[in-house]
Amino acid sequence: MARVVHLQLLGPHTRVSASLCTSCPSGPAGCCAAPPGLSWADIGRIASLGHTHWLLDEMRTGRLRKGPRGLIIQRIPDTLVAAKCVYHAENSGCTVTSDKRSAACNYYVCGDALLDATGDVVAAEAACAAWMAQYADWDEILSAEVGGWPVRPDIPEEDEALFEHLGKRFSALSKRINAKSFHG
């Protein structure tokens, strides 16, 4: 069966997927064995899509917790790998919809998936690199504005206000770019 890479261009919500992910050669958890955190830019994107309460609920359950550059995704023990992302289901992959995932989760496709693949491989690699760089820029801007968790009050109501603010700032920042420059 041919390996297929699919690129779905949706501006800052662009997604890359690969058929190899369902039978990952790196093991049952694949790249989900080491989940990325949610950066300030990721939190802003998620909040801008109306998911502030989802973020707060996930923090209450402990699946997300405060980290140095945003939120850290909980890792849970697994029988086949030492630990994996709390959102990874063994037979179906990620249980979180793409609008609630980090940019890294939406854009990353490993070299094995790209090797000998058909479809949008070159465009997917270009979009991934361009959008990851853009998210890094947005994250630097938002990090400077937020100042990190240590300077913020540890009050859940303040977290909600912060996430809402990040959503508005993310929307404003993402409107400034010309999405056509990322179409390869």
N, C-alpha and C. Protein backbone atom coordinates (compact mmCIF):
# COMPACT_ATOMS: atom_id res chain seq x y z
N MET A 1 0.85 -1.18 0.00
CA MET A 1 0.00 0.00 0.00
C MET A 1 0.89 1.24 0.00
N ALA A 2 0.57 2.18 -0.84
CA ALA A 2 1.36 3.40 -0.94
C ALA A 2 1.17 4.27 0.28
N ARG A 3 2.25 4.90 0.71
CA ARG A 3 2.18 5.87 1.80
C ARG A 3 1.70 7.19 1.22
N VAL A 4 0.72 7.78 1.86
CA VAL A 4 0.16 9.03 1.36
C VAL A 4 0.30 10.11 2.43
N VAL A 5 0.75 11.28 1.99
CA VAL A 5 0.82 12.46 2.86
C VAL A 5 -0.24 13.42 2.35
N HIS A 6 -1.03 13.93 3.28
CA HIS A 6 -2.10 14.84 2.91
C HIS A 6 -1.91 16.18 3.62
N LEU A 7 -2.01 17.24 2.86
CA LEU A 7 -1.89 18.60 3.37
C LEU A 7 -3.25 19.28 3.25
N GLN A 8 -3.75 19.77 4.37
CA GLN A 8 -5.01 20.51 4.37
C GLN A 8 -4.70 21.95 4.75
N LEU A 9 -4.73 22.85 3.78
CA LEU A 9 -4.39 24.26 4.00
C LEU A 9 -5.57 25.01 4.61
N LEU A 10 -5.36 25.44 5.85
CA LEU A 10 -6.40 26.17 6.58
C LEU A 10 -5.78 27.34 7.33
N GLY A 11 -4.85 28.06 6.69
CA GLY A 11 -4.18 29.17 7.37
C GLY A 11 -3.48 28.65 8.62
N PRO A 12 -3.61 29.35 9.75
CA PRO A 12 -2.92 28.91 10.96
C PRO A 12 -3.47 27.60 11.54
N HIS A 13 -4.53 27.06 10.94
CA HIS A 13 -5.12 25.81 11.39
C HIS A 13 -4.80 24.67 10.42
N THR A 14 -3.80 24.88 9.55
CA THR A 14 -3.36 23.89 8.58
C THR A 14 -3.01 22.58 9.28
N ARG A 15 -3.28 21.47 8.57
CA ARG A 15 -2.95 20.15 9.13
C ARG A 15 -2.23 19.32 8.08
N VAL A 16 -1.31 18.48 8.56
CA VAL A 16 -0.63 17.52 7.73
C VAL A 16 -0.90 16.15 8.33
N SER A 17 -1.24 15.19 7.50
CA SER A 17 -1.43 13.83 7.99
C SER A 17 -0.75 12.85 7.04
N ALA A 18 -0.46 11.68 7.57
CA ALA A 18 0.21 10.66 6.77
C ALA A 18 -0.40 9.29 7.07
N SER A 19 -0.58 8.48 6.04
CA SER A 19 -1.18 7.16 6.23
C SER A 19 -0.29 6.26 7.08
N LEU A 20 1.02 6.48 7.08
CA LEU A 20 1.93 5.63 7.86
C LEU A 20 1.69 5.78 9.36
N CYS A 21 1.14 6.89 9.80
CA CYS A 21 0.94 7.11 11.24
C CYS A 21 0.10 6.01 11.89
N THR A 22 -0.84 5.42 11.15
CA THR A 22 -1.68 4.38 11.73
C THR A 22 -0.92 3.08 11.97
N SER A 23 0.21 2.91 11.32
CA SER A 23 1.05 1.72 11.55
C SER A 23 2.49 2.19 11.77
N CYS A 24 2.67 3.06 12.72
CA CYS A 24 3.94 3.72 12.98
C CYS A 24 5.09 2.72 13.19
N PRO A 25 6.20 2.88 12.46
CA PRO A 25 7.35 1.99 12.64
C PRO A 25 8.09 2.24 13.96
N SER A 26 7.79 3.35 14.62
CA SER A 26 8.46 3.66 15.90
C SER A 26 7.75 3.03 17.09
N GLY A 27 6.66 2.34 16.84
CA GLY A 27 5.94 1.68 17.93
C GLY A 27 4.52 2.18 18.04
N PRO A 28 3.75 1.56 18.94
CA PRO A 28 2.32 1.87 19.02
C PRO A 28 1.99 3.31 19.42
N ALA A 29 2.86 3.97 20.14
CA ALA A 29 2.59 5.36 20.52
C ALA A 29 3.29 6.33 19.58
N GLY A 30 4.25 5.88 18.81
CA GLY A 30 4.96 6.73 17.86
C GLY A 30 5.45 8.01 18.49
N CYS A 31 5.25 9.13 17.81
CA CYS A 31 5.71 10.42 18.35
C CYS A 31 4.91 10.84 19.57
N CYS A 32 3.78 10.18 19.82
CA CYS A 32 2.96 10.50 20.99
C CYS A 32 3.61 10.00 22.29
N ALA A 33 4.73 9.29 22.18
CA ALA A 33 5.46 8.86 23.38
C ALA A 33 6.08 10.08 24.07
N ALA A 34 6.30 11.14 23.32
CA ALA A 34 6.88 12.38 23.88
C ALA A 34 6.07 13.57 23.39
N PRO A 35 4.88 13.79 23.96
CA PRO A 35 4.03 14.87 23.45
C PRO A 35 4.63 16.25 23.70
N PRO A 36 4.43 17.15 22.75
CA PRO A 36 4.89 18.52 22.96
C PRO A 36 3.94 19.22 23.94
N GLY A 37 4.38 20.30 24.48
CA GLY A 37 3.48 21.09 25.31
C GLY A 37 2.61 21.97 24.45
N LEU A 38 1.71 22.69 25.09
CA LEU A 38 0.92 23.71 24.39
C LEU A 38 1.60 25.05 24.68
N SER A 39 2.16 25.64 23.64
CA SER A 39 2.82 26.94 23.80
C SER A 39 1.76 28.01 23.99
N TRP A 40 2.21 29.21 24.32
CA TRP A 40 1.28 30.33 24.45
C TRP A 40 0.52 30.55 23.14
N ALA A 41 1.19 30.36 22.01
CA ALA A 41 0.53 30.50 20.71
C ALA A 41 -0.50 29.40 20.51
N ASP A 42 -0.18 28.17 20.91
CA ASP A 42 -1.15 27.08 20.82
C ASP A 42 -2.38 27.38 21.68
N ILE A 43 -2.14 27.84 22.90
CA ILE A 43 -3.25 28.17 23.81
C ILE A 43 -4.10 29.27 23.18
N GLY A 44 -3.46 30.26 22.58
CA GLY A 44 -4.18 31.33 21.91
C GLY A 44 -5.02 30.82 20.76
N ARG A 45 -4.46 29.93 19.95
CA ARG A 45 -5.22 29.37 18.82
C ARG A 45 -6.42 28.58 19.32
N ILE A 46 -6.20 27.74 20.31
CA ILE A 46 -7.28 26.92 20.86
C ILE A 46 -8.38 27.81 21.45
N ALA A 47 -7.98 28.83 22.21
CA ALA A 47 -8.96 29.76 22.80
C ALA A 47 -9.68 30.56 21.71
N SER A 48 -8.95 30.94 20.65
CA SER A 48 -9.57 31.72 19.58
C SER A 48 -10.65 30.92 18.86
N LEU A 49 -10.59 29.61 18.97
CA LEU A 49 -11.58 28.74 18.34
C LEU A 49 -12.72 28.37 19.30
N GLY A 50 -12.73 29.05 20.47
CA GLY A 50 -13.82 28.86 21.41
C GLY A 50 -13.64 27.75 22.43
N HIS A 51 -12.40 27.33 22.66
CA HIS A 51 -12.16 26.18 23.54
C HIS A 51 -11.50 26.55 24.87
N THR A 52 -11.71 27.76 25.35
CA THR A 52 -11.15 28.17 26.64
C THR A 52 -11.58 27.24 27.76
N HIS A 53 -12.86 26.88 27.79
CA HIS A 53 -13.36 26.03 28.87
C HIS A 53 -12.79 24.62 28.78
N TRP A 54 -12.52 24.15 27.57
CA TRP A 54 -11.87 22.84 27.42
C TRP A 54 -10.49 22.89 28.06
N LEU A 55 -9.72 23.96 27.80
CA LEU A 55 -8.39 24.10 28.41
C LEU A 55 -8.50 24.09 29.94
N LEU A 56 -9.45 24.85 30.47
CA LEU A 56 -9.63 24.92 31.92
C LEU A 56 -10.05 23.57 32.50
N ASP A 57 -10.94 22.88 31.82
CA ASP A 57 -11.36 21.55 32.28
C ASP A 57 -10.19 20.57 32.27
N GLU A 58 -9.38 20.63 31.23
CA GLU A 58 -8.22 19.73 31.15
C GLU A 58 -7.20 20.04 32.24
N MET A 59 -7.07 21.31 32.60
CA MET A 59 -6.18 21.68 33.71
C MET A 59 -6.75 21.14 35.03
N ARG A 60 -8.05 21.23 35.22
CA ARG A 60 -8.67 20.72 36.45
C ARG A 60 -8.46 19.22 36.61
N THR A 61 -8.52 18.49 35.49
CA THR A 61 -8.35 17.04 35.56
C THR A 61 -6.89 16.63 35.70
N GLY A 62 -5.97 17.55 35.40
CA GLY A 62 -4.54 17.24 35.46
C GLY A 62 -3.96 16.77 34.15
N ARG A 63 -4.78 16.66 33.11
CA ARG A 63 -4.23 16.27 31.80
C ARG A 63 -3.37 17.37 31.20
N LEU A 64 -3.65 18.61 31.58
CA LEU A 64 -2.79 19.75 31.23
C LEU A 64 -2.38 20.41 32.53
N ARG A 65 -1.13 20.86 32.59
CA ARG A 65 -0.67 21.58 33.77
C ARG A 65 0.26 22.72 33.34
N LYS A 66 0.39 23.68 34.23
CA LYS A 66 1.23 24.83 33.92
C LYS A 66 2.68 24.40 33.74
N GLY A 67 3.30 24.96 32.70
CA GLY A 67 4.70 24.67 32.41
C GLY A 67 5.44 25.95 32.10
N PRO A 68 6.74 25.86 31.87
CA PRO A 68 7.54 27.07 31.66
C PRO A 68 7.13 27.92 30.46
N ARG A 69 6.58 27.30 29.42
CA ARG A 69 6.23 28.07 28.21
C ARG A 69 4.79 27.83 27.79
N GLY A 70 3.90 27.61 28.76
CA GLY A 70 2.49 27.38 28.44
C GLY A 70 1.93 26.27 29.30
N LEU A 71 1.44 25.23 28.63
CA LEU A 71 0.88 24.08 29.34
C LEU A 71 1.60 22.81 28.92
N ILE A 72 1.76 21.90 29.87
CA ILE A 72 2.40 20.61 29.63
C ILE A 72 1.32 19.55 29.55
N ILE A 73 1.42 18.67 28.57
CA ILE A 73 0.48 17.56 28.42
C ILE A 73 0.94 16.41 29.30
N GLN A 74 0.02 15.85 30.06
CA GLN A 74 0.33 14.73 30.94
C GLN A 74 0.79 13.52 30.13
N ARG A 75 1.78 12.83 30.66
CA ARG A 75 2.20 11.55 30.10
C ARG A 75 1.73 10.46 31.05
N ILE A 76 1.22 9.38 30.49
CA ILE A 76 0.72 8.29 31.32
C ILE A 76 1.50 7.01 31.03
N PRO A 77 1.59 6.11 32.02
CA PRO A 77 2.28 4.84 31.79
C PRO A 77 1.58 4.03 30.69
N ASP A 78 2.37 3.26 29.98
CA ASP A 78 1.83 2.43 28.91
C ASP A 78 2.53 1.08 28.98
N THR A 79 1.85 0.03 28.60
CA THR A 79 2.45 -1.30 28.67
C THR A 79 3.50 -1.53 27.59
N LEU A 80 3.40 -0.84 26.46
CA LEU A 80 4.33 -1.07 25.36
C LEU A 80 5.46 -0.05 25.28
N VAL A 81 5.25 1.13 25.82
CA VAL A 81 6.28 2.16 25.89
C VAL A 81 6.28 2.69 27.32
N ALA A 82 7.34 3.29 27.75
CA ALA A 82 7.42 3.76 29.14
C ALA A 82 6.28 4.70 29.49
N ALA A 83 6.00 5.64 28.61
CA ALA A 83 4.91 6.60 28.83
C ALA A 83 4.48 7.16 27.49
N LYS A 84 3.29 7.71 27.47
CA LYS A 84 2.78 8.31 26.23
C LYS A 84 1.84 9.44 26.58
N CYS A 85 1.45 10.19 25.57
CA CYS A 85 0.51 11.29 25.72
C CYS A 85 -0.81 10.77 26.27
N VAL A 86 -1.36 11.49 27.22
CA VAL A 86 -2.63 11.11 27.83
C VAL A 86 -3.76 11.06 26.80
N TYR A 87 -3.62 11.75 25.70
CA TYR A 87 -4.66 11.79 24.69
C TYR A 87 -4.50 10.71 23.60
N HIS A 88 -3.50 9.86 23.72
CA HIS A 88 -3.27 8.82 22.71
C HIS A 88 -4.05 7.55 23.07
N ALA A 89 -4.86 7.08 22.12
CA ALA A 89 -5.56 5.81 22.27
C ALA A 89 -4.88 4.79 21.37
N GLU A 90 -4.62 3.63 21.91
CA GLU A 90 -3.80 2.64 21.21
C GLU A 90 -4.27 2.30 19.80
N ASN A 91 -5.54 2.12 19.59
CA ASN A 91 -6.02 1.69 18.27
C ASN A 91 -6.49 2.81 17.36
N SER A 92 -6.65 4.02 17.92
CA SER A 92 -7.19 5.09 17.09
C SER A 92 -6.34 6.35 17.05
N GLY A 93 -5.24 6.39 17.79
CA GLY A 93 -4.38 7.57 17.78
C GLY A 93 -4.90 8.66 18.68
N CYS A 94 -4.79 9.90 18.24
CA CYS A 94 -5.14 11.05 19.06
C CYS A 94 -6.64 11.15 19.29
N THR A 95 -7.01 11.35 20.55
CA THR A 95 -8.43 11.48 20.90
C THR A 95 -8.87 12.94 20.94
N VAL A 96 -7.95 13.84 20.68
CA VAL A 96 -8.26 15.27 20.69
C VAL A 96 -8.41 15.75 19.24
N THR A 97 -9.46 16.51 18.99
CA THR A 97 -9.66 17.02 17.64
C THR A 97 -8.54 18.03 17.31
N SER A 98 -8.28 18.19 16.03
CA SER A 98 -7.16 19.02 15.60
C SER A 98 -7.28 20.47 16.06
N ASP A 99 -8.48 20.96 16.30
CA ASP A 99 -8.64 22.34 16.76
C ASP A 99 -8.23 22.53 18.22
N LYS A 100 -7.92 21.42 18.92
CA LYS A 100 -7.48 21.50 20.31
C LYS A 100 -6.05 20.99 20.48
N ARG A 101 -5.38 20.66 19.40
CA ARG A 101 -4.01 20.14 19.45
C ARG A 101 -2.99 21.26 19.32
N SER A 102 -1.76 20.95 19.71
CA SER A 102 -0.66 21.89 19.50
C SER A 102 -0.33 21.97 18.01
N ALA A 103 0.34 23.03 17.63
CA ALA A 103 0.77 23.16 16.23
C ALA A 103 1.67 21.99 15.86
N ALA A 104 2.55 21.59 16.77
CA ALA A 104 3.46 20.47 16.48
C ALA A 104 2.67 19.21 16.15
N CYS A 105 1.61 18.94 16.89
CA CYS A 105 0.80 17.74 16.63
C CYS A 105 0.08 17.84 15.28
N ASN A 106 -0.32 19.04 14.89
CA ASN A 106 -1.01 19.20 13.61
C ASN A 106 -0.07 19.21 12.42
N TYR A 107 1.18 19.56 12.60
CA TYR A 107 2.10 19.72 11.47
C TYR A 107 3.17 18.65 11.37
N TYR A 108 3.53 18.03 12.46
CA TYR A 108 4.68 17.12 12.43
C TYR A 108 4.35 15.81 11.72
N VAL A 109 5.18 15.46 10.79
CA VAL A 109 5.16 14.15 10.16
C VAL A 109 6.62 13.71 10.08
N CYS A 110 6.91 12.53 10.60
CA CYS A 110 8.31 12.07 10.69
C CYS A 110 8.88 11.72 9.32
N GLY A 111 10.17 11.60 9.26
CA GLY A 111 10.87 11.29 8.03
C GLY A 111 10.45 9.96 7.43
N ASP A 112 10.15 8.96 8.29
CA ASP A 112 9.70 7.66 7.78
C ASP A 112 8.41 7.80 6.99
N ALA A 113 7.51 8.64 7.47
CA ALA A 113 6.23 8.84 6.78
C ALA A 113 6.42 9.57 5.45
N LEU A 114 7.43 10.41 5.39
CA LEU A 114 7.68 11.18 4.16
C LEU A 114 8.49 10.39 3.13
N LEU A 115 9.27 9.43 3.59
CA LEU A 115 10.11 8.64 2.70
C LEU A 115 9.23 7.82 1.75
N ASP A 116 9.43 7.97 0.49
CA ASP A 116 8.69 7.23 -0.54
C ASP A 116 7.18 7.45 -0.49
N ALA A 117 6.75 8.54 0.07
CA ALA A 117 5.31 8.82 0.14
C ALA A 117 4.84 9.48 -1.14
N THR A 118 3.55 9.36 -1.38
CA THR A 118 2.93 10.06 -2.50
C THR A 118 2.05 11.16 -1.93
N GLY A 119 1.57 12.00 -2.78
CA GLY A 119 0.68 13.08 -2.31
C GLY A 119 1.44 14.38 -2.17
N ASP A 120 1.06 15.14 -1.17
CA ASP A 120 1.55 16.49 -0.98
C ASP A 120 2.86 16.58 -0.19
N VAL A 121 3.83 15.71 -0.44
CA VAL A 121 5.02 15.62 0.39
C VAL A 121 5.80 16.93 0.43
N VAL A 122 6.16 17.47 -0.72
CA VAL A 122 6.96 18.70 -0.75
C VAL A 122 6.17 19.86 -0.14
N ALA A 123 4.92 19.98 -0.53
CA ALA A 123 4.08 21.05 0.01
C ALA A 123 3.88 20.87 1.51
N ALA A 124 3.72 19.62 1.96
CA ALA A 124 3.54 19.36 3.40
C ALA A 124 4.78 19.76 4.18
N GLU A 125 5.96 19.39 3.67
CA GLU A 125 7.20 19.77 4.35
C GLU A 125 7.36 21.29 4.40
N ALA A 126 7.06 21.97 3.30
CA ALA A 126 7.19 23.43 3.24
C ALA A 126 6.19 24.09 4.18
N ALA A 127 4.95 23.62 4.18
CA ALA A 127 3.93 24.19 5.06
C ALA A 127 4.29 23.95 6.51
N CYS A 128 4.76 22.76 6.82
CA CYS A 128 5.16 22.44 8.19
C CYS A 128 6.26 23.38 8.66
N ALA A 129 7.29 23.54 7.87
CA ALA A 129 8.40 24.41 8.26
C ALA A 129 7.95 25.87 8.40
N ALA A 130 7.16 26.33 7.44
CA ALA A 130 6.70 27.73 7.47
C ALA A 130 5.79 28.00 8.67
N TRP A 131 4.83 27.11 8.90
CA TRP A 131 3.90 27.35 10.00
C TRP A 131 4.55 27.16 11.36
N MET A 132 5.49 26.22 11.48
CA MET A 132 6.19 26.06 12.76
C MET A 132 7.03 27.30 13.06
N ALA A 133 7.65 27.87 12.05
CA ALA A 133 8.41 29.11 12.25
C ALA A 133 7.46 30.25 12.64
N GLN A 134 6.31 30.31 12.00
CA GLN A 134 5.34 31.36 12.32
C GLN A 134 4.83 31.20 13.76
N TYR A 135 4.54 29.96 14.15
CA TYR A 135 4.10 29.73 15.53
C TYR A 135 5.18 30.10 16.53
N ALA A 136 6.43 29.82 16.20
CA ALA A 136 7.54 30.20 17.09
C ALA A 136 7.59 31.72 17.26
N ASP A 137 7.39 32.45 16.17
CA ASP A 137 7.36 33.92 16.24
C ASP A 137 6.20 34.40 17.11
N TRP A 138 5.01 33.84 16.86
CA TRP A 138 3.85 34.23 17.67
C TRP A 138 4.08 33.89 19.13
N ASP A 139 4.69 32.74 19.39
CA ASP A 139 4.92 32.33 20.77
C ASP A 139 5.88 33.29 21.48
N GLU A 140 6.90 33.76 20.77
CA GLU A 140 7.82 34.73 21.37
C GLU A 140 7.10 36.02 21.74
N ILE A 141 6.23 36.48 20.85
CA ILE A 141 5.46 37.71 21.12
C ILE A 141 4.56 37.50 22.33
N LEU A 142 3.81 36.41 22.33
CA LEU A 142 2.87 36.15 23.42
C LEU A 142 3.60 35.86 24.73
N SER A 143 4.73 35.17 24.67
CA SER A 143 5.52 34.90 25.88
C SER A 143 5.97 36.20 26.53
N ALA A 144 6.42 37.13 25.71
CA ALA A 144 6.86 38.42 26.24
C ALA A 144 5.70 39.17 26.89
N GLU A 145 4.53 39.06 26.31
CA GLU A 145 3.36 39.73 26.86
C GLU A 145 2.85 39.07 28.14
N VAL A 146 2.87 37.74 28.17
CA VAL A 146 2.35 36.99 29.32
C VAL A 146 3.30 37.06 30.50
N GLY A 147 4.58 36.91 30.22
CA GLY A 147 5.57 36.92 31.30
C GLY A 147 5.74 35.60 32.02
N GLY A 148 4.99 34.58 31.66
CA GLY A 148 5.10 33.26 32.29
C GLY A 148 4.21 33.11 33.51
N TRP A 149 4.03 31.88 33.94
CA TRP A 149 3.16 31.58 35.08
C TRP A 149 3.65 32.19 36.39
N PRO A 150 4.96 32.21 36.67
CA PRO A 150 5.40 32.71 37.97
C PRO A 150 4.98 34.15 38.28
N VAL A 151 4.78 34.97 37.27
CA VAL A 151 4.39 36.36 37.51
C VAL A 151 2.88 36.54 37.52
N ARG A 152 2.14 35.47 37.33
CA ARG A 152 0.68 35.54 37.27
C ARG A 152 0.08 35.02 38.57
N PRO A 153 -1.05 35.56 38.99
CA PRO A 153 -1.71 35.05 40.20
C PRO A 153 -2.21 33.63 39.97
N ASP A 154 -2.14 32.79 40.98
CA ASP A 154 -2.59 31.39 40.86
C ASP A 154 -4.07 31.30 41.21
N ILE A 155 -4.89 31.92 40.36
CA ILE A 155 -6.33 31.98 40.58
C ILE A 155 -6.99 31.50 39.28
N PRO A 156 -7.81 30.43 39.36
CA PRO A 156 -8.43 29.89 38.14
C PRO A 156 -9.16 30.93 37.29
N GLU A 157 -9.82 31.89 37.90
CA GLU A 157 -10.52 32.92 37.13
C GLU A 157 -9.54 33.73 36.29
N GLU A 158 -8.35 33.93 36.83
CA GLU A 158 -7.32 34.65 36.08
C GLU A 158 -6.84 33.82 34.89
N ASP A 159 -6.79 32.49 35.04
CA ASP A 159 -6.41 31.63 33.92
C ASP A 159 -7.41 31.78 32.78
N GLU A 160 -8.69 31.82 33.10
CA GLU A 160 -9.71 32.00 32.07
C GLU A 160 -9.52 33.33 31.34
N ALA A 161 -9.30 34.38 32.10
CA ALA A 161 -9.08 35.70 31.49
C ALA A 161 -7.83 35.69 30.62
N LEU A 162 -6.77 35.03 31.10
CA LEU A 162 -5.53 34.94 30.32
C LEU A 162 -5.79 34.21 29.01
N PHE A 163 -6.47 33.06 29.06
CA PHE A 163 -6.72 32.29 27.85
C PHE A 163 -7.57 33.08 26.86
N GLU A 164 -8.57 33.78 27.36
CA GLU A 164 -9.41 34.61 26.49
C GLU A 164 -8.57 35.71 25.83
N HIS A 165 -7.69 36.34 26.62
CA HIS A 165 -6.80 37.37 26.09
C HIS A 165 -5.89 36.78 25.02
N LEU A 166 -5.31 35.61 25.30
CA LEU A 166 -4.43 34.96 24.31
C LEU A 166 -5.19 34.63 23.03
N GLY A 167 -6.45 34.23 23.16
CA GLY A 167 -7.26 33.94 21.97
C GLY A 167 -7.45 35.18 21.12
N LYS A 168 -7.72 36.31 21.76
CA LYS A 168 -7.90 37.56 21.02
C LYS A 168 -6.59 38.01 20.37
N ARG A 169 -5.49 37.90 21.12
CA ARG A 169 -4.19 38.29 20.57
C ARG A 169 -3.78 37.37 19.42
N PHE A 170 -4.02 36.07 19.57
CA PHE A 170 -3.70 35.13 18.50
C PHE A 170 -4.49 35.50 17.24
N SER A 171 -5.77 35.78 17.40
CA SER A 171 -6.58 36.17 16.24
C SER A 171 -6.01 37.41 15.56
N ALA A 172 -5.64 38.38 16.36
CA ALA A 172 -5.07 39.62 15.80
C ALA A 172 -3.75 39.35 15.10
N LEU A 173 -2.88 38.57 15.72
CA LEU A 173 -1.58 38.26 15.11
C LEU A 173 -1.74 37.45 13.83
N SER A 174 -2.62 36.47 13.85
CA SER A 174 -2.76 35.60 12.68
C SER A 174 -3.42 36.32 11.51
N LYS A 175 -4.17 37.38 11.75
CA LYS A 175 -4.78 38.15 10.66
C LYS A 175 -3.74 39.00 9.94
N ARG A 176 -2.60 39.22 10.59
CA ARG A 176 -1.56 40.07 9.99
C ARG A 176 -0.77 39.37 8.89
N ILE A 177 -0.84 38.06 8.86
CA ILE A 177 -0.01 37.35 7.86
C ILE A 177 -0.79 37.11 6.59
N ASN A 178 -0.07 36.91 5.56
CA ASN A 178 -0.67 36.58 4.27
C ASN A 178 -0.56 35.07 4.10
N ALA A 179 -1.65 34.35 4.31
CA ALA A 179 -1.63 32.89 4.26
C ALA A 179 -1.12 32.36 2.92
N LYS A 180 -1.28 33.15 1.84
CA LYS A 180 -0.81 32.68 0.54
C LYS A 180 0.68 32.45 0.53
N SER A 181 1.43 33.15 1.37
CA SER A 181 2.88 32.97 1.40
C SER A 181 3.26 31.62 1.96
N PHE A 182 2.31 30.87 2.54
CA PHE A 182 2.61 29.56 3.11
C PHE A 182 2.11 28.41 2.25
N HIS A 183 1.66 28.69 1.06
CA HIS A 183 1.09 27.64 0.23
C HIS A 183 2.13 26.93 -0.65
N GLY A 184 3.40 27.23 -0.45
CA GLY A 184 4.44 26.52 -1.16
C GLY A 184 4.66 26.91 -2.58
